[in-house]
PDB file of N, CA and C in Angstrom:
ATOM      1  N   UNK A   1       0.839  -1.177   0.000  1.00  0.00           N
ATOM      2  CA  UNK A   1       0.000   0.000   0.000  1.00  0.00           C
ATOM      3  C   UNK A   1       0.889   1.248   0.000  1.00  0.00           C
ATOM      4  N   UNK A   2       0.455   2.231  -0.734  1.00  0.00           N
ATOM      5  CA  UNK A   2       1.186   3.488  -0.789  1.00  0.00           C
ATOM      6  C   UNK A   2       0.206   4.635  -0.621  1.00  0.00           C
ATOM      7  N   UNK A   3       0.771   5.842  -0.536  1.00  0.00           N
ATOM      8  CA  UNK A   3      -0.094   7.016  -0.486  1.00  0.00           C
ATOM      9  C   UNK A   3      -0.897   7.145  -1.773  1.00  0.00           C
ATOM     10  N   UNK A   4      -0.335   6.644  -2.865  1.00  0.00           N
ATOM     11  CA  UNK A   4      -1.065   6.682  -4.140  1.00  0.00           C
ATOM     12  C   UNK A   4      -2.347   5.860  -4.035  1.00  0.00           C
ATOM     13  N   UNK A   5      -2.269   4.718  -3.381  1.00  0.00           N
ATOM     14  CA  UNK A   5      -3.452   3.887  -3.173  1.00  0.00           C
ATOM     15  C   UNK A   5      -4.493   4.639  -2.361  1.00  0.00           C
ATOM     16  N   UNK A   6      -4.039   5.372  -1.346  1.00  0.00           N
ATOM     17  CA  UNK A   6      -4.968   6.160  -0.531  1.00  0.00           C
ATOM     18  C   UNK A   6      -5.648   7.234  -1.369  1.00  0.00           C
ATOM     19  N   UNK A   7      -4.894   7.856  -2.266  1.00  0.00           N
ATOM     20  CA  UNK A   7      -5.489   8.866  -3.141  1.00  0.00           C
ATOM     21  C   UNK A   7      -6.504   8.236  -4.089  1.00  0.00           C
ATOM     22  N   UNK A   8      -6.191   7.078  -4.603  1.00  0.00           N
ATOM     23  CA  UNK A   8      -7.129   6.377  -5.488  1.00  0.00           C
ATOM     24  C   UNK A   8      -8.407   6.050  -4.729  1.00  0.00           C
ATOM     25  N   UNK A   9      -8.277   5.584  -3.497  1.00  0.00           N
ATOM     26  CA  UNK A   9      -9.457   5.293  -2.676  1.00  0.00           C
ATOM     27  C   UNK A   9     -10.322   6.534  -2.499  1.00  0.00           C
ATOM     28  N   UNK A  10      -9.681   7.675  -2.257  1.00  0.00           N
ATOM     29  CA  UNK A  10     -10.416   8.927  -2.091  1.00  0.00           C
ATOM     30  C   UNK A  10     -11.193   9.276  -3.356  1.00  0.00           C
ATOM     31  N   UNK A  11     -10.553   9.129  -4.520  1.00  0.00           N
ATOM     32  CA  UNK A  11     -11.235   9.454  -5.771  1.00  0.00           C
ATOM     33  C   UNK A  11     -12.359   8.463  -6.073  1.00  0.00           C
ATOM     34  N   UNK A  12     -12.196   7.213  -5.678  1.00  0.00           N
ATOM     35  CA  UNK A  12     -13.289   6.241  -5.806  1.00  0.00           C
ATOM     36  C   UNK A  12     -14.459   6.684  -4.937  1.00  0.00           C
ATOM     37  N   UNK A  13     -14.173   7.135  -3.727  1.00  0.00           N
ATOM     38  CA  UNK A  13     -15.204   7.614  -2.799  1.00  0.00           C
ATOM     39  C   UNK A  13     -15.977   8.783  -3.417  1.00  0.00           C
ATOM     40  N   UNK A  14     -15.252   9.743  -3.983  1.00  0.00           N
ATOM     41  CA  UNK A  14     -15.892  10.893  -4.637  1.00  0.00           C
ATOM     42  C   UNK A  14     -16.673  10.432  -5.862  1.00  0.00           C
ATOM     43  N   UNK A  15     -16.116   9.481  -6.615  1.00  0.00           N
ATOM     44  CA  UNK A  15     -16.819   8.946  -7.783  1.00  0.00           C
ATOM     45  C   UNK A  15     -18.136   8.291  -7.416  1.00  0.00           C
ATOM     46  N   UNK A  16     -18.138   7.553  -6.311  1.00  0.00           N
ATOM     47  CA  UNK A  16     -19.379   6.929  -5.832  1.00  0.00           C
ATOM     48  C   UNK A  16     -20.387   8.014  -5.465  1.00  0.00           C
ATOM     49  N   UNK A  17     -19.927   9.077  -4.812  1.00  0.00           N
ATOM     50  CA  UNK A  17     -20.820  10.185  -4.449  1.00  0.00           C
ATOM     51  C   UNK A  17     -21.426  10.825  -5.693  1.00  0.00           C
ATOM     52  N   UNK A  18     -20.622  11.015  -6.728  1.00  0.00           N
ATOM     53  CA  UNK A  18     -21.114  11.616  -7.974  1.00  0.00           C
ATOM     54  C   UNK A  18     -22.096  10.680  -8.670  1.00  0.00           C
ATOM     55  N   UNK A  19     -21.774   9.391  -8.719  1.00  0.00           N
ATOM     56  CA  UNK A  19     -22.671   8.412  -9.341  1.00  0.00           C
ATOM     57  C   UNK A  19     -24.035   8.412  -8.653  1.00  0.00           C
ATOM     58  N   UNK A  20     -24.035   8.345  -7.333  1.00  0.00           N
ATOM     59  CA  UNK A  20     -25.305   8.321  -6.615  1.00  0.00           C
ATOM     60  C   UNK A  20     -26.023   9.664  -6.700  1.00  0.00           C
ATOM     61  N   UNK A  21     -25.288  10.764  -6.782  1.00  0.00           N
ATOM     62  CA  UNK A  21     -25.925  12.066  -6.979  1.00  0.00           C
ATOM     63  C   UNK A  21     -26.719  12.062  -8.283  1.00  0.00           C
ATOM     64  N   UNK A  22     -26.125  11.495  -9.328  1.00  0.00           N
ATOM     65  CA  UNK A  22     -26.829  11.398 -10.615  1.00  0.00           C
ATOM     66  C   UNK A  22     -28.052  10.491 -10.503  1.00  0.00           C
ATOM     67  N   UNK A  23     -27.910   9.368  -9.797  1.00  0.00           N
ATOM     68  CA  UNK A  23     -29.046   8.456  -9.622  1.00  0.00           C
ATOM     69  C   UNK A  23     -30.168   9.107  -8.813  1.00  0.00           C
ATOM     70  N   UNK A  24     -29.813   9.851  -7.774  1.00  0.00           N
ATOM     71  CA  UNK A  24     -30.832  10.532  -6.974  1.00  0.00           C
ATOM     72  C   UNK A  24     -31.527  11.626  -7.785  1.00  0.00           C
ATOM     73  N   UNK A  25     -30.760  12.338  -8.581  1.00  0.00           N
ATOM     74  CA  UNK A  25     -31.351  13.393  -9.440  1.00  0.00           C
ATOM     75  C   UNK A  25     -32.297  12.752 -10.445  1.00  0.00           C
ATOM     76  N   UNK A  26     -31.860  11.665 -11.050  1.00  0.00           N
ATOM     77  CA  UNK A  26     -32.700  10.935 -12.008  1.00  0.00           C
ATOM     78  C   UNK A  26     -33.991  10.482 -11.333  1.00  0.00           C
ATOM     79  N   UNK A  27     -33.881   9.919 -10.149  1.00  0.00           N
ATOM     80  CA  UNK A  27     -35.067   9.468  -9.410  1.00  0.00           C
ATOM     81  C   UNK A  27     -36.010  10.627  -9.119  1.00  0.00           C
ATOM     82  N   UNK A  28     -35.456  11.758  -8.744  1.00  0.00           N
ATOM     83  CA  UNK A  28     -36.281  12.913  -8.409  1.00  0.00           C
ATOM     84  C   UNK A  28     -37.021  13.457  -9.625  1.00  0.00           C
ATOM     85  N   UNK A  29     -36.363  13.421 -10.780  1.00  0.00           N
ATOM     86  CA  UNK A  29     -36.989  13.936 -12.009  1.00  0.00           C
ATOM     87  C   UNK A  29     -38.029  12.966 -12.544  1.00  0.00           C
ATOM     88  N   UNK A  30     -37.692  11.688 -12.626  1.00  0.00           N
ATOM     89  CA  UNK A  30     -38.575  10.710 -13.254  1.00  0.00           C
ATOM     90  C   UNK A  30     -39.586  10.095 -12.300  1.00  0.00           C
ATOM     91  N   UNK A  31     -39.363  10.238 -11.025  1.00  0.00           N
ATOM     92  CA  UNK A  31     -40.304   9.743 -10.025  1.00  0.00           C
ATOM     93  C   UNK A  31     -40.469  10.834  -8.966  1.00  0.00           C
ATOM     94  N   UNK A  32     -41.319  11.828  -9.241  1.00  0.00           N
ATOM     95  CA  UNK A  32     -41.424  13.004  -8.367  1.00  0.00           C
ATOM     96  C   UNK A  32     -41.706  12.695  -6.891  1.00  0.00           C
ATOM     97  N   UNK A  33     -42.288  11.568  -6.570  1.00  0.00           N
ATOM     98  CA  UNK A  33     -42.564  11.228  -5.181  1.00  0.00           C
ATOM     99  C   UNK A  33     -41.456  10.445  -4.505  1.00  0.00           C
ATOM    100  N   UNK A  34     -40.290  10.344  -5.140  1.00  0.00           N
ATOM    101  CA  UNK A  34     -39.196   9.533  -4.597  1.00  0.00           C
ATOM    102  C   UNK A  34     -38.618  10.119  -3.307  1.00  0.00           C
ATOM    103  N   UNK A  35     -38.666  11.435  -3.174  1.00  0.00           N
ATOM    104  CA  UNK A  35     -38.136  12.110  -1.990  1.00  0.00           C
ATOM    105  C   UNK A  35     -39.207  13.009  -1.396  1.00  0.00           C
ATOM    106  N   UNK A  36     -39.046  13.365  -0.138  1.00  0.00           N
ATOM    107  CA  UNK A  36     -40.052  14.189   0.529  1.00  0.00           C
ATOM    108  C   UNK A  36     -40.169  15.578  -0.090  1.00  0.00           C
ATOM    109  N   UNK A  37     -39.112  16.017  -0.747  1.00  0.00           N
ATOM    110  CA  UNK A  37     -39.150  17.259  -1.522  1.00  0.00           C
ATOM    111  C   UNK A  37     -38.298  17.046  -2.764  1.00  0.00           C
ATOM    112  N   UNK A  38     -38.603  17.748  -3.829  1.00  0.00           N
ATOM    113  CA  UNK A  38     -37.838  17.535  -5.066  1.00  0.00           C
ATOM    114  C   UNK A  38     -36.360  17.919  -4.906  1.00  0.00           C
ATOM    115  N   UNK A  39     -35.512  17.121  -5.508  1.00  0.00           N
ATOM    116  CA  UNK A  39     -34.091  17.467  -5.595  1.00  0.00           C
ATOM    117  C   UNK A  39     -33.948  18.216  -6.913  1.00  0.00           C
ATOM    118  N   UNK A  40     -33.889  19.543  -6.818  1.00  0.00           N
ATOM    119  CA  UNK A  40     -34.019  20.380  -8.011  1.00  0.00           C
ATOM    120  C   UNK A  40     -32.704  20.747  -8.680  1.00  0.00           C
ATOM    121  N   UNK A  41     -31.619  20.700  -7.953  1.00  0.00           N
ATOM    122  CA  UNK A  41     -30.346  21.123  -8.542  1.00  0.00           C
ATOM    123  C   UNK A  41     -29.297  20.020  -8.404  1.00  0.00           C
ATOM    124  N   UNK A  42     -28.252  20.168  -9.183  1.00  0.00           N
ATOM    125  CA  UNK A  42     -27.130  19.236  -9.095  1.00  0.00           C
ATOM    126  C   UNK A  42     -26.474  19.336  -7.720  1.00  0.00           C
ATOM    127  N   UNK A  43     -26.394  20.548  -7.190  1.00  0.00           N
ATOM    128  CA  UNK A  43     -25.815  20.731  -5.860  1.00  0.00           C
ATOM    129  C   UNK A  43     -26.645  20.004  -4.802  1.00  0.00           C
ATOM    130  N   UNK A  44     -27.976  20.086  -4.899  1.00  0.00           N
ATOM    131  CA  UNK A  44     -28.840  19.370  -3.950  1.00  0.00           C
ATOM    132  C   UNK A  44     -28.607  17.862  -4.012  1.00  0.00           C
ATOM    133  N   UNK A  45     -28.502  17.330  -5.228  1.00  0.00           N
ATOM    134  CA  UNK A  45     -28.310  15.880  -5.362  1.00  0.00           C
ATOM    135  C   UNK A  45     -26.933  15.460  -4.853  1.00  0.00           C
ATOM    136  N   UNK A  46     -25.901  16.271  -5.122  1.00  0.00           N
ATOM    137  CA  UNK A  46     -24.561  15.950  -4.628  1.00  0.00           C
ATOM    138  C   UNK A  46     -24.516  16.070  -3.103  1.00  0.00           C
ATOM    139  N   UNK A  47     -25.152  17.102  -2.579  1.00  0.00           N
ATOM    140  CA  UNK A  47     -25.231  17.289  -1.125  1.00  0.00           C
ATOM    141  C   UNK A  47     -25.888  16.076  -0.472  1.00  0.00           C
ATOM    142  N   UNK A  48     -27.031  15.655  -0.993  1.00  0.00           N
ATOM    143  CA  UNK A  48     -27.738  14.510  -0.420  1.00  0.00           C
ATOM    144  C   UNK A  48     -26.882  13.250  -0.523  1.00  0.00           C
ATOM    145  N   UNK A  49     -26.195  13.089  -1.639  1.00  0.00           N
ATOM    146  CA  UNK A  49     -25.352  11.914  -1.832  1.00  0.00           C
ATOM    147  C   UNK A  49     -24.200  11.883  -0.830  1.00  0.00           C
ATOM    148  N   UNK A  50     -23.525  13.001  -0.642  1.00  0.00           N
ATOM    149  CA  UNK A  50     -22.392  13.045   0.290  1.00  0.00           C
ATOM    150  C   UNK A  50     -22.865  12.844   1.727  1.00  0.00           C
ATOM    151  N   UNK A  51     -23.978  13.470   2.089  1.00  0.00           N
ATOM    152  CA  UNK A  51     -24.530  13.303   3.439  1.00  0.00           C
ATOM    153  C   UNK A  51     -24.914  11.841   3.672  1.00  0.00           C
ATOM    154  N   UNK A  52     -25.455  11.202   2.653  1.00  0.00           N
ATOM    155  CA  UNK A  52     -25.833   9.791   2.763  1.00  0.00           C
ATOM    156  C   UNK A  52     -24.601   8.894   2.809  1.00  0.00           C
ATOM    157  N   UNK A  53     -23.650   9.138   1.913  1.00  0.00           N
ATOM    158  CA  UNK A  53     -22.434   8.321   1.848  1.00  0.00           C
ATOM    159  C   UNK A  53     -21.643   8.404   3.154  1.00  0.00           C
ATOM    160  N   UNK A  54     -21.630   9.575   3.748  1.00  0.00           N
ATOM    161  CA  UNK A  54     -20.910   9.768   5.008  1.00  0.00           C
ATOM    162  C   UNK A  54     -21.740   9.334   6.212  1.00  0.00           C
ATOM    163  N   UNK A  55     -22.926   8.862   5.967  1.00  0.00           N
ATOM    164  CA  UNK A  55     -23.895   8.420   6.989  1.00  0.00           C
ATOM    165  C   UNK A  55     -24.177   9.500   8.030  1.00  0.00           C
ATOM    166  N   UNK A  56     -24.169  10.762   7.596  1.00  0.00           N
ATOM    167  CA  UNK A  56     -24.497  11.868   8.492  1.00  0.00           C
ATOM    168  C   UNK A  56     -26.006  11.945   8.668  1.00  0.00           C
ATOM    169  N   UNK A  57     -26.737  11.990   7.548  1.00  0.00           N
ATOM    170  CA  UNK A  57     -28.191  11.980   7.584  1.00  0.00           C
ATOM    171  C   UNK A  57     -28.811  13.142   8.324  1.00  0.00           C
ATOM    172  N   UNK A  58     -28.664  14.356   7.818  1.00  0.00           N
ATOM    173  CA  UNK A  58     -29.240  15.526   8.471  1.00  0.00           C
ATOM    174  C   UNK A  58     -30.757  15.472   8.534  1.00  0.00           C
ATOM    175  N   UNK A  59     -31.383  14.832   7.566  1.00  0.00           N
ATOM    176  CA  UNK A  59     -32.832  14.691   7.589  1.00  0.00           C
ATOM    177  C   UNK A  59     -33.589  15.761   6.834  1.00  0.00           C
ATOM    178  N   UNK A  60     -32.881  16.709   6.222  1.00  0.00           N
ATOM    179  CA  UNK A  60     -33.583  17.747   5.471  1.00  0.00           C
ATOM    180  C   UNK A  60     -34.132  17.225   4.150  1.00  0.00           C
ATOM    181  N   UNK A  61     -33.534  16.180   3.618  1.00  0.00           N
ATOM    182  CA  UNK A  61     -34.049  15.467   2.444  1.00  0.00           C
ATOM    183  C   UNK A  61     -34.046  13.997   2.831  1.00  0.00           C
ATOM    184  N   UNK A  62     -35.136  13.313   2.572  1.00  0.00           N
ATOM    185  CA  UNK A  62     -35.115  11.877   2.830  1.00  0.00           C
ATOM    186  C   UNK A  62     -35.964  11.141   1.807  1.00  0.00           C
ATOM    187  N   UNK A  63     -35.577   9.887   1.518  1.00  0.00           N
ATOM    188  CA  UNK A  63     -36.283   9.117   0.500  1.00  0.00           C
ATOM    189  C   UNK A  63     -37.663   8.687   0.993  1.00  0.00           C
ATOM    190  N   UNK A  64     -38.599   8.668   0.052  1.00  0.00           N
ATOM    191  CA  UNK A  64     -39.955   8.212   0.352  1.00  0.00           C
ATOM    192  C   UNK A  64     -40.285   6.988  -0.500  1.00  0.00           C
ATOM    193  N   UNK A  65     -39.874   7.020  -1.764  1.00  0.00           N
ATOM    194  CA  UNK A  65     -40.149   5.921  -2.688  1.00  0.00           C
ATOM    195  C   UNK A  65     -39.261   4.715  -2.437  1.00  0.00           C
ATOM    196  N   UNK A  66     -39.733   3.561  -2.880  1.00  0.00           N
ATOM    197  CA  UNK A  66     -39.004   2.304  -2.661  1.00  0.00           C
ATOM    198  C   UNK A  66     -37.641   2.289  -3.341  1.00  0.00           C
ATOM    199  N   UNK A  67     -37.586   2.706  -4.600  1.00  0.00           N
ATOM    200  CA  UNK A  67     -36.309   2.691  -5.331  1.00  0.00           C
ATOM    201  C   UNK A  67     -35.324   3.653  -4.673  1.00  0.00           C
ATOM    202  N   UNK A  68     -35.793   4.821  -4.293  1.00  0.00           N
ATOM    203  CA  UNK A  68     -34.923   5.800  -3.628  1.00  0.00           C
ATOM    204  C   UNK A  68     -34.400   5.234  -2.311  1.00  0.00           C
ATOM    205  N   UNK A  69     -35.244   4.545  -1.557  1.00  0.00           N
ATOM    206  CA  UNK A  69     -34.806   3.939  -0.293  1.00  0.00           C
ATOM    207  C   UNK A  69     -33.750   2.868  -0.532  1.00  0.00           C
ATOM    208  N   UNK A  70     -33.938   2.064  -1.566  1.00  0.00           N
ATOM    209  CA  UNK A  70     -32.957   1.022  -1.895  1.00  0.00           C
ATOM    210  C   UNK A  70     -31.620   1.649  -2.291  1.00  0.00           C
ATOM    211  N   UNK A  71     -31.670   2.713  -3.099  1.00  0.00           N
ATOM    212  CA  UNK A  71     -30.437   3.405  -3.484  1.00  0.00           C
ATOM    213  C   UNK A  71     -29.716   3.968  -2.258  1.00  0.00           C
ATOM    214  N   UNK A  72     -30.481   4.534  -1.335  1.00  0.00           N
ATOM    215  CA  UNK A  72     -29.883   5.079  -0.115  1.00  0.00           C
ATOM    216  C   UNK A  72     -29.232   3.967   0.708  1.00  0.00           C
ATOM    217  N   UNK A  73     -29.905   2.842   0.843  1.00  0.00           N
ATOM    218  CA  UNK A  73     -29.341   1.715   1.591  1.00  0.00           C
ATOM    219  C   UNK A  73     -28.026   1.260   0.962  1.00  0.00           C
ATOM    220  N   UNK A  74     -28.015   1.131  -0.357  1.00  0.00           N
ATOM    221  CA  UNK A  74     -26.795   0.702  -1.058  1.00  0.00           C
ATOM    222  C   UNK A  74     -25.676   1.717  -0.848  1.00  0.00           C
ATOM    223  N   UNK A  75     -26.015   3.011  -0.952  1.00  0.00           N
ATOM    224  CA  UNK A  75     -24.973   4.027  -0.793  1.00  0.00           C
ATOM    225  C   UNK A  75     -24.434   4.056   0.635  1.00  0.00           C
ATOM    226  N   UNK A  76     -25.294   3.906   1.623  1.00  0.00           N
ATOM    227  CA  UNK A  76     -24.829   3.870   3.015  1.00  0.00           C
ATOM    228  C   UNK A  76     -23.874   2.696   3.227  1.00  0.00           C
ATOM    229  N   UNK A  77     -24.245   1.514   2.736  1.00  0.00           N
ATOM    230  CA  UNK A  77     -23.381   0.341   2.893  1.00  0.00           C
ATOM    231  C   UNK A  77     -22.051   0.528   2.168  1.00  0.00           C
ATOM    232  N   UNK A  78     -22.098   1.107   0.962  1.00  0.00           N
ATOM    233  CA  UNK A  78     -20.852   1.394   0.240  1.00  0.00           C
ATOM    234  C   UNK A  78     -20.004   2.410   0.996  1.00  0.00           C
ATOM    235  N   UNK A  79     -20.649   3.403   1.578  1.00  0.00           N
ATOM    236  CA  UNK A  79     -19.924   4.410   2.349  1.00  0.00           C
ATOM    237  C   UNK A  79     -19.180   3.799   3.516  1.00  0.00           C
ATOM    238  N   UNK A  80     -19.845   2.908   4.234  1.00  0.00           N
ATOM    239  CA  UNK A  80     -19.203   2.237   5.368  1.00  0.00           C
ATOM    240  C   UNK A  80     -18.050   1.364   4.881  1.00  0.00           C
ATOM    241  N   UNK A  81     -18.279   0.610   3.813  1.00  0.00           N
ATOM    242  CA  UNK A  81     -17.246  -0.266   3.261  1.00  0.00           C
ATOM    243  C   UNK A  81     -16.041   0.533   2.768  1.00  0.00           C
ATOM    244  N   UNK A  82     -16.296   1.591   1.999  1.00  0.00           N
ATOM    245  CA  UNK A  82     -15.193   2.393   1.468  1.00  0.00           C
ATOM    246  C   UNK A  82     -14.418   3.083   2.579  1.00  0.00           C
ATOM    247  N   UNK A  83     -15.114   3.552   3.600  1.00  0.00           N
ATOM    248  CA  UNK A  83     -14.427   4.183   4.723  1.00  0.00           C
ATOM    249  C   UNK A  83     -13.518   3.179   5.427  1.00  0.00           C
ATOM    250  N   UNK A  84     -14.008   1.974   5.624  1.00  0.00           N
ATOM    251  CA  UNK A  84     -13.191   0.929   6.255  1.00  0.00           C
ATOM    252  C   UNK A  84     -11.958   0.619   5.406  1.00  0.00           C
ATOM    253  N   UNK A  85     -12.137   0.553   4.094  1.00  0.00           N
ATOM    254  CA  UNK A  85     -11.006   0.288   3.194  1.00  0.00           C
ATOM    255  C   UNK A  85      -9.996   1.425   3.263  1.00  0.00           C
ATOM    256  N   UNK A  86     -10.481   2.674   3.240  1.00  0.00           N
ATOM    257  CA  UNK A  86      -9.576   3.823   3.271  1.00  0.00           C
ATOM    258  C   UNK A  86      -8.813   3.905   4.591  1.00  0.00           C
ATOM    259  N   UNK A  87      -9.487   3.672   5.701  1.00  0.00           N
ATOM    260  CA  UNK A  87      -8.814   3.699   7.004  1.00  0.00           C
ATOM    261  C   UNK A  87      -7.791   2.565   7.087  1.00  0.00           C
ATOM    262  N   UNK A  88      -8.163   1.392   6.624  1.00  0.00           N
ATOM    263  CA  UNK A  88      -7.237   0.262   6.612  1.00  0.00           C
ATOM    264  C   UNK A  88      -6.011   0.539   5.765  1.00  0.00           C
ATOM    265  N   UNK A  89      -6.213   1.157   4.604  1.00  0.00           N
ATOM    266  CA  UNK A  89      -5.085   1.484   3.727  1.00  0.00           C
ATOM    267  C   UNK A  89      -4.172   2.516   4.378  1.00  0.00           C
ATOM    268  N   UNK A  90      -4.756   3.523   5.002  1.00  0.00           N
ATOM    269  CA  UNK A  90      -3.949   4.556   5.659  1.00  0.00           C
ATOM    270  C   UNK A  90      -3.146   3.964   6.816  1.00  0.00           C
ATOM    271  N   UNK A  91      -3.757   3.105   7.593  1.00  0.00           N
ATOM    272  CA  UNK A  91      -3.047   2.463   8.706  1.00  0.00           C
ATOM    273  C   UNK A  91      -1.940   1.558   8.179  1.00  0.00           C
ATOM    274  N   UNK A  92      -2.212   0.837   7.105  1.00  0.00           N
ATOM    275  CA  UNK A  92      -1.214  -0.045   6.510  1.00  0.00           C
ATOM    276  C   UNK A  92      -0.002   0.746   6.026  1.00  0.00           C
ATOM    277  N   UNK A  93      -0.249   1.864   5.359  1.00  0.00           N
ATOM    278  CA  UNK A  93       0.845   2.704   4.872  1.00  0.00           C
ATOM    279  C   UNK A  93       1.668   3.219   6.050  1.00  0.00           C
ATOM    280  N   UNK A  94       1.004   3.676   7.085  1.00  0.00           N
ATOM    281  CA  UNK A  94       1.704   4.215   8.252  1.00  0.00           C
ATOM    282  C   UNK A  94       2.555   3.148   8.931  1.00  0.00           C
ATOM    283  N   UNK A  95       1.987   1.971   9.168  1.00  0.00           N
ATOM    284  CA  UNK A  95       2.746   0.895   9.807  1.00  0.00           C
ATOM    285  C   UNK A  95       3.905   0.431   8.935  1.00  0.00           C
ATOM    286  N   UNK A  96       3.708   0.405   7.624  1.00  0.00           N
ATOM    287  CA  UNK A  96       4.779  -0.004   6.717  1.00  0.00           C
ATOM    288  C   UNK A  96       5.944   0.985   6.798  1.00  0.00           C
ATOM    289  N   UNK A  97       5.631   2.278   6.825  1.00  0.00           N
ATOM    290  CA  UNK A  97       6.691   3.281   6.925  1.00  0.00           C
ATOM    291  C   UNK A  97       7.424   3.181   8.258  1.00  0.00           C
ATOM    292  N   UNK A  98       6.682   2.998   9.341  1.00  0.00           N
ATOM    293  CA  UNK A  98       7.310   2.855  10.659  1.00  0.00           C
ATOM    294  C   UNK A  98       8.202   1.614  10.688  1.00  0.00           C
ATOM    295  N   UNK A  99       7.722   0.524  10.126  1.00  0.00           N
ATOM    296  CA  UNK A  99       8.497  -0.715  10.078  1.00  0.00           C
ATOM    297  C   UNK A  99       9.791  -0.525   9.295  1.00  0.00           C
ATOM    298  N   UNK A 100       9.707   0.166   8.162  1.00  0.00           N
ATOM    299  CA  UNK A 100      10.914   0.423   7.360  1.00  0.00           C
ATOM    300  C   UNK A 100      11.917   1.278   8.126  1.00  0.00           C
ATOM    301  N   UNK A 101      11.433   2.301   8.836  1.00  0.00           N
ATOM    302  CA  UNK A 101      12.337   3.160   9.603  1.00  0.00           C
ATOM    303  C   UNK A 101      13.004   2.379  10.732  1.00  0.00           C
ATOM    304  N   UNK A 102      12.244   1.541  11.415  1.00  0.00           N
ATOM    305  CA  UNK A 102      12.821   0.726  12.487  1.00  0.00           C
ATOM    306  C   UNK A 102      13.852  -0.256  11.946  1.00  0.00           C
ATOM    307  N   UNK A 103      13.557  -0.848  10.797  1.00  0.00           N
ATOM    308  CA  UNK A 103      14.497  -1.797  10.191  1.00  0.00           C
ATOM    309  C   UNK A 103      15.796  -1.095   9.807  1.00  0.00           C
ATOM    310  N   UNK A 104      15.709   0.100   9.219  1.00  0.00           N
ATOM    311  CA  UNK A 104      16.908   0.855   8.860  1.00  0.00           C
ATOM    312  C   UNK A 104      17.698   1.231  10.107  1.00  0.00           C
ATOM    313  N   UNK A 105      16.987   1.636  11.142  1.00  0.00           N
ATOM    314  CA  UNK A 105      17.648   2.010  12.393  1.00  0.00           C
ATOM    315  C   UNK A 105      18.357   0.806  13.009  1.00  0.00           C
ATOM    316  N   UNK A 106      17.714  -0.337  13.030  1.00  0.00           N
ATOM    317  CA  UNK A 106      18.315  -1.555  13.588  1.00  0.00           C
ATOM    318  C   UNK A 106      19.521  -2.005  12.777  1.00  0.00           C
ATOM    319  N   UNK A 107      19.483  -1.850  11.465  1.00  0.00           N
ATOM    320  CA  UNK A 107      20.617  -2.228  10.618  1.00  0.00           C
ATOM    321  C   UNK A 107      21.822  -1.332  10.872  1.00  0.00           C
ATOM    322  N   UNK A 108      21.597  -0.076  11.249  1.00  0.00           N
ATOM    323  CA  UNK A 108      22.702   0.846  11.508  1.00  0.00           C
ATOM    324  C   UNK A 108      23.420   0.517  12.808  1.00  0.00           C
ATOM    325  N   UNK A 109      22.695   0.047  13.806  1.00  0.00           N
ATOM    326  CA  UNK A 109      23.325  -0.161  15.113  1.00  0.00           C
ATOM    327  C   UNK A 109      23.844  -1.574  15.331  1.00  0.00           C
ATOM    328  N   UNK A 110      23.519  -2.513  14.482  1.00  0.00           N
ATOM    329  CA  UNK A 110      24.003  -3.881  14.633  1.00  0.00           C
ATOM    330  C   UNK A 110      25.389  -4.008  14.007  1.00  0.00           C
ATOM    331  N   UNK A 111      26.335  -4.613  14.754  1.00  0.00           N
ATOM    332  CA  UNK A 111      27.674  -4.796  14.178  1.00  0.00           C
ATOM    333  C   UNK A 111      27.637  -5.839  13.063  1.00  0.00           C
ATOM    334  N   UNK A 112      28.469  -5.625  12.089  1.00  0.00           N
ATOM    335  CA  UNK A 112      28.553  -6.596  11.002  1.00  0.00           C
ATOM    336  C   UNK A 112      29.547  -7.679  11.399  1.00  0.00           C
ATOM    337  N   UNK A 113      29.242  -8.929  11.119  1.00  0.00           N
ATOM    338  CA  UNK A 113      30.176 -10.014  11.469  1.00  0.00           C
ATOM    339  C   UNK A 113      31.429  -9.926  10.598  1.00  0.00           C
ATOM    340  N   UNK A 114      32.598  -9.973  11.253  1.00  0.00           N
ATOM    341  CA  UNK A 114      33.831  -9.898  10.477  1.00  0.00           C
ATOM    342  C   UNK A 114      34.579 -11.229  10.461  1.00  0.00           C
ATOM    343  N   UNK A 115      34.070 -12.208  11.192  1.00  0.00           N
ATOM    344  CA  UNK A 115      34.662 -13.536  11.156  1.00  0.00           C
ATOM    345  C   UNK A 115      35.842 -13.716  12.087  1.00  0.00           C
ATOM    346  N   UNK A 116      36.202 -12.711  12.922  1.00  0.00           N
ATOM    347  CA  UNK A 116      37.331 -12.814  13.853  1.00  0.00           C
ATOM    348  C   UNK A 116      36.841 -13.146  15.260  1.00  0.00           C
ATOM    349  N   UNK A 117      36.284 -14.287  15.486  1.00  0.00           N
ATOM    350  CA  UNK A 117      35.803 -14.659  16.822  1.00  0.00           C
ATOM    351  C   UNK A 117      36.854 -15.345  17.576  1.00  0.00           C
TER     352      UNK A 117
END
C-alpha cells in the first residue's frame, strides 16, 4: 500500500458520491414522489449523496419511494465499506513506513560479522 493507493481510494469515494448524486437526481426527475421534496439542482443531489455516503443523515431530504430507499441503503453500505477500506489502507501505509524506519535504524546499530571470533 502506498499514499497513491490512498489517493485512489479517495477518488473512488468521490466517484461513488457523484454516481449516486446522478441516480438521486434521475429518481427525483422521473419519479417526483421519490423524496419528501424535489431534488431540483445538481448541488442538492450531490449534497444529499455526500450526506448519505458519510452516513451523516441531516434529515432535510429523505427518500420516500421504494427505489430511492434502496439506493440510499446501497450508498450507506458502500460508504461504510469504502471508509473501512480507506482507514485500513492509511493504517497499513503508516505501519509499513514505521516498520521500514525501524528496520533501517536496527541495521545501523548492529555490528557486522567480520569472522574474527
